[in-house]
Amino acid sequence: MINAATDVPATSPDGPCLTPGEALAKLFLANADKGRNAENDVFVEELLKRRRVIQALVNPGE
């Protein structure tokens, strides 16, 4: 089964669940396979922004 919103294979309630990292990797690779490089660029930018926010919370003086 494919999730129409993301073109990523959906897991069934009976099947194995994906970790968040696995789900993000599948989304990234699905975008790459379809030539959606601009979408992956935005995806990576958002991941970097979130990492910076988390780092700022952990190390507020830096």
C-alpha atoms as a PDB file:
ATOM      1  CA  MET A   1       0.000   0.000   0.000  1.00  0.00           C
ATOM      2  CA  ILE A   2       1.304   3.497  -0.894  1.00  0.00           C
ATOM      3  CA  ASN A   3       0.494   6.663   1.046  1.00  0.00           C
ATOM      4  CA  ALA A   4      -0.723   9.060  -1.677  1.00  0.00           C
ATOM      5  CA  ALA A   5       0.457  12.136   0.221  1.00  0.00           C
ATOM      6  CA  THR A   6       4.096  11.042   0.358  1.00  0.00           C
ATOM      7  CA  ASP A   7       4.453   8.191  -2.169  1.00  0.00           C
ATOM      8  CA  VAL A   8       6.069   6.211   0.641  1.00  0.00           C
ATOM      9  CA  PRO A   9       4.978   2.660   1.353  1.00  0.00           C
ATOM     10  CA  ALA A  10       2.580   2.678   4.300  1.00  0.00           C
ATOM     11  CA  THR A  11       2.877   0.134   7.043  1.00  0.00           C
ATOM     12  CA  SER A  12      -0.098  -1.932   8.012  1.00  0.00           C
ATOM     13  CA  PRO A  13      -1.222  -2.264  11.633  1.00  0.00           C
ATOM     14  CA  ASP A  14      -0.148  -5.905  11.469  1.00  0.00           C
ATOM     15  CA  GLY A  15       3.261  -5.215   9.898  1.00  0.00           C
ATOM     16  CA  PRO A  16       6.443  -3.814  11.358  1.00  0.00           C
ATOM     17  CA  CYS A  17       6.505  -0.155  12.305  1.00  0.00           C
ATOM     18  CA  LEU A  18       9.201   2.165  11.023  1.00  0.00           C
ATOM     19  CA  THR A  19      11.367   4.200  13.322  1.00  0.00           C
ATOM     20  CA  PRO A  20      11.244   7.953  12.680  1.00  0.00           C
ATOM     21  CA  GLY A  21      14.687   7.763  11.083  1.00  0.00           C
ATOM     22  CA  GLU A  22      13.635   4.929   8.787  1.00  0.00           C
ATOM     23  CA  ALA A  23      10.515   6.822   7.736  1.00  0.00           C
ATOM     24  CA  LEU A  24      12.544   9.970   6.955  1.00  0.00           C
ATOM     25  CA  ALA A  25      15.095   7.950   5.001  1.00  0.00           C
ATOM     26  CA  LYS A  26      12.333   6.293   2.944  1.00  0.00           C
ATOM     27  CA  LEU A  27      10.785   9.676   2.213  1.00  0.00           C
ATOM     28  CA  PHE A  28      14.160  11.128   1.194  1.00  0.00           C
ATOM     29  CA  LEU A  29      14.943   8.183  -1.090  1.00  0.00           C
ATOM     30  CA  ALA A  30      11.449   8.183  -2.604  1.00  0.00           C
ATOM     31  CA  ASN A  31      11.888  11.883  -3.435  1.00  0.00           C
ATOM     32  CA  ALA A  32      15.323  11.207  -4.944  1.00  0.00           C
ATOM     33  CA  ASP A  33      13.995   8.325  -7.052  1.00  0.00           C
ATOM     34  CA  LYS A  34      11.352  10.638  -8.482  1.00  0.00           C
ATOM     35  CA  GLY A  35      13.820  13.472  -9.163  1.00  0.00           C
ATOM     36  CA  ARG A  36      12.370  15.688  -6.435  1.00  0.00           C
ATOM     37  CA  ASN A  37      15.725  17.160  -5.466  1.00  0.00           C
ATOM     38  CA  ALA A  38      14.286  20.558  -4.531  1.00  0.00           C
ATOM     39  CA  GLU A  39      11.957  18.882  -2.037  1.00  0.00           C
ATOM     40  CA  ASN A  40      14.901  17.045  -0.509  1.00  0.00           C
ATOM     41  CA  ASP A  41      16.833  20.330  -0.294  1.00  0.00           C
ATOM     42  CA  VAL A  42      13.986  21.858   1.738  1.00  0.00           C
ATOM     43  CA  PHE A  43      13.812  18.689   3.828  1.00  0.00           C
ATOM     44  CA  VAL A  44      17.526  18.890   4.688  1.00  0.00           C
ATOM     45  CA  GLU A  45      17.279  22.630   5.465  1.00  0.00           C
ATOM     46  CA  GLU A  46      14.454  21.947   7.919  1.00  0.00           C
ATOM     47  CA  LEU A  47      16.421  19.143   9.580  1.00  0.00           C
ATOM     48  CA  LEU A  48      19.386  21.490  10.018  1.00  0.00           C
ATOM     49  CA  LYS A  49      17.167  24.228  11.496  1.00  0.00           C
ATOM     50  CA  ARG A  50      15.715  21.766  14.007  1.00  0.00           C
ATOM     51  CA  ARG A  51      19.175  20.497  14.915  1.00  0.00           C
ATOM     52  CA  ARG A  52      20.334  24.072  15.587  1.00  0.00           C
ATOM     53  CA  VAL A  53      17.311  24.731  17.812  1.00  0.00           C
ATOM     54  CA  ILE A  54      17.979  21.566  19.794  1.00  0.00           C
ATOM     55  CA  GLN A  55      21.681  22.418  20.109  1.00  0.00           C
ATOM     56  CA  ALA A  56      20.787  25.894  21.352  1.00  0.00           C
ATOM     57  CA  LEU A  57      18.567  24.370  24.034  1.00  0.00           C
ATOM     58  CA  VAL A  58      21.301  21.975  25.140  1.00  0.00           C
ATOM     59  CA  ASN A  59      24.107  24.570  24.958  1.00  0.00           C
ATOM     60  CA  PRO A  60      22.410  27.929  25.605  1.00  0.00           C
ATOM     61  CA  GLY A  61      25.665  29.883  26.027  1.00  0.00           C
ATOM     62  CA  GLU A  62      27.101  29.002  22.616  1.00  0.00           C
END
